[in-house]
Structures are given as structure tokens and as C-alpha cells.
């Protein structure tokens, strides 16, 4: 499974960006997709997740109400809509795939930089 993340960039505080993650294989081999981020000098942290089958979602408290994760099964793509961005959201954002409910996120994309200026 190969993941290709894109859509990062520079935006002012309060602005929006949409990240995309294209998945190389048909999504029936994947249970869920996740978004993570890593800011300079900090550990990677969970942002959001979505299951392919029923579209169930979950978010970290720090982005809940501002970010929305969605998927397009026909395009094998997952999106992260980020609104009301804050400077603290500045990080490299990664998408990841979890093959089963009990597995770890075994597949990772290359990351896309998001920079929010104040």
C-alpha cells in the first residue's frame, strides 16, 4: 500500500487548507485511515481518523470542530479539511493506513508541510 499526501502550504491564521491522501490499493484491504502531524521539536500526534466502511470518524480534542476528515471511495482518497487554522497547527502532516481493527498504522505517506502564520 502506498500513500501520497498533498495539499499543504502556507496560510494565515483563520484560513483553511484541504489535505488529500491518495491510496494506491483498493480500500477493501484497509480498515481505516488516519491523519497525524509532527511539529518541530515535538512528537508525532494523532489528528483524525476515518473508517472506510461506515465513514466513522474521530478527532483529537485540539482539532475537533475545526477539522473534518472524509473519504471518497471511488477515488481511493482521504481528505482533511482544516478550517480556522491556528499557528499551533503548523506541522508536517502525515496520512497513514491501518489494515485491520487490531493492527497498527502500518503504512505511511511522505508528509506534507502546513505552515500557519500569525
Protein backbone atom coordinates (compact mmCIF):
# COMPACT_ATOMS: atom_id res chain seq x y z
CA UNK A 1 0.00 0.00 0.00
CA UNK A 2 1.38 3.39 -0.98
CA UNK A 3 0.05 6.68 0.30
CA UNK A 4 0.58 10.06 -1.32
CA UNK A 5 -0.24 13.13 0.77
CA UNK A 6 -0.63 16.56 -0.78
CA UNK A 7 -2.26 19.94 -0.27
CA UNK A 8 -0.03 21.54 2.33
CA UNK A 9 1.12 25.12 2.14
CA UNK A 10 1.37 28.49 3.84
CA UNK A 11 -1.80 30.10 5.15
CA UNK A 12 -2.66 32.92 7.53
CA UNK A 13 -4.28 32.25 10.86
CA UNK A 14 -8.00 31.79 10.44
CA UNK A 15 -7.60 30.41 6.94
CA UNK A 16 -8.29 26.98 5.50
CA UNK A 17 -6.47 24.20 3.71
CA UNK A 18 -7.54 20.80 2.42
CA UNK A 19 -5.12 17.91 2.52
CA UNK A 20 -5.52 14.86 0.31
CA UNK A 21 -4.16 11.35 0.70
CA UNK A 22 -4.31 9.08 -2.33
CA UNK A 23 -4.18 5.34 -1.62
CA UNK A 24 -2.59 3.04 -4.18
CA UNK A 25 -4.68 -0.05 -3.46
CA UNK A 26 -8.37 -0.71 -3.32
CA UNK A 27 -9.70 0.29 0.03
CA UNK A 28 -11.21 -3.08 0.91
CA UNK A 29 -7.73 -4.03 2.13
CA UNK A 30 -7.71 -1.13 4.58
CA UNK A 31 -9.81 -0.77 7.71
CA UNK A 32 -9.19 2.88 8.47
CA UNK A 33 -7.10 5.90 7.59
CA UNK A 34 -5.54 8.34 9.97
CA UNK A 35 -4.02 11.79 9.89
CA UNK A 36 -1.12 12.64 12.15
CA UNK A 37 1.14 15.65 12.49
CA UNK A 38 4.56 16.45 13.84
CA UNK A 39 5.69 19.93 14.76
CA UNK A 40 9.39 20.84 15.09
CA UNK A 41 10.81 19.52 18.34
CA UNK A 42 7.61 17.65 19.20
CA UNK A 43 6.45 14.08 18.95
CA UNK A 44 4.07 12.98 16.25
CA UNK A 45 0.47 13.27 17.38
CA UNK A 46 -2.86 11.90 16.26
CA UNK A 47 -5.17 14.32 14.45
CA UNK A 48 -8.11 12.39 12.97
CA UNK A 49 -9.23 9.02 11.69
CA UNK A 50 -11.94 7.63 9.42
CA UNK A 51 -13.05 4.07 8.68
CA UNK A 52 -13.54 3.12 5.03
CA UNK A 53 -16.67 1.04 5.51
CA UNK A 54 -19.02 3.23 7.52
CA UNK A 55 -17.21 6.56 7.50
CA UNK A 56 -16.97 6.72 11.26
CA UNK A 57 -14.66 9.49 12.43
CA UNK A 58 -12.71 10.55 15.47
CA UNK A 59 -10.66 13.65 16.22
CA UNK A 60 -8.15 14.90 18.71
CA UNK A 61 -9.50 17.49 21.09
CA UNK A 62 -7.17 20.10 19.66
CA UNK A 63 -8.79 19.99 16.20
CA UNK A 64 -12.35 18.92 16.99
CA UNK A 65 -14.82 21.38 15.49
CA UNK A 66 -12.23 22.86 13.12
CA UNK A 67 -11.02 19.89 11.06
CA UNK A 68 -13.13 17.44 9.08
CA UNK A 69 -11.93 14.10 7.73
CA UNK A 70 -13.73 12.48 4.81
CA UNK A 71 -13.15 9.85 2.16
CA UNK A 72 -14.03 9.25 -1.47
CA UNK A 73 -14.22 5.51 -2.03
CA UNK A 74 -14.36 5.85 -5.80
CA UNK A 75 -11.12 7.82 -5.85
CA UNK A 76 -9.40 5.88 -3.05
CA UNK A 77 -8.68 9.22 -1.41
CA UNK A 78 -9.00 10.60 2.08
CA UNK A 79 -9.26 14.32 2.81
CA UNK A 80 -8.59 16.52 5.80
CA UNK A 81 -10.41 19.84 5.62
CA UNK A 82 -8.75 22.25 8.02
CA UNK A 83 -10.61 25.44 8.92
CA UNK A 84 -9.93 28.19 11.43
CA UNK A 85 -6.26 27.33 11.33
CA UNK A 86 -4.00 28.48 14.15
CA UNK A 87 -0.22 28.92 14.30
CA UNK A 88 -0.15 25.89 16.62
CA UNK A 89 -1.40 23.78 13.71
CA UNK A 90 1.93 24.30 11.95
CA UNK A 91 3.45 20.86 11.36
CA UNK A 92 4.22 18.20 8.83
CA UNK A 93 1.00 16.25 8.28
CA UNK A 94 1.06 12.55 7.51
CA UNK A 95 -1.62 10.15 6.39
CA UNK A 96 -1.49 6.52 7.46
CA UNK A 97 -3.40 3.30 6.82
CA UNK A 98 -4.48 0.63 9.26
CA UNK A 99 -5.22 -2.74 7.61
CA UNK A 100 -7.40 -4.19 10.37
CA UNK A 101 -9.09 -3.05 13.55
CA UNK A 102 -6.36 -4.62 15.68
CA UNK A 103 -3.33 -3.57 13.69
CA UNK A 104 -1.15 -0.54 13.97
CA UNK A 105 -0.91 2.10 11.26
CA UNK A 106 1.45 0.09 9.09
CA UNK A 107 1.55 2.31 6.03
CA UNK A 108 2.57 5.96 5.96
CA UNK A 109 2.68 8.71 3.39
CA UNK A 110 5.60 11.06 2.94
CA UNK A 111 4.12 14.05 4.76
CA UNK A 112 3.06 17.50 3.63
CA UNK A 113 4.07 20.75 5.33
CA UNK A 114 1.40 23.05 6.73
CA UNK A 115 2.54 26.45 7.96
CA UNK A 116 0.12 28.87 9.61
CA UNK A 117 1.34 32.42 10.05
CA UNK A 118 0.05 34.72 12.76
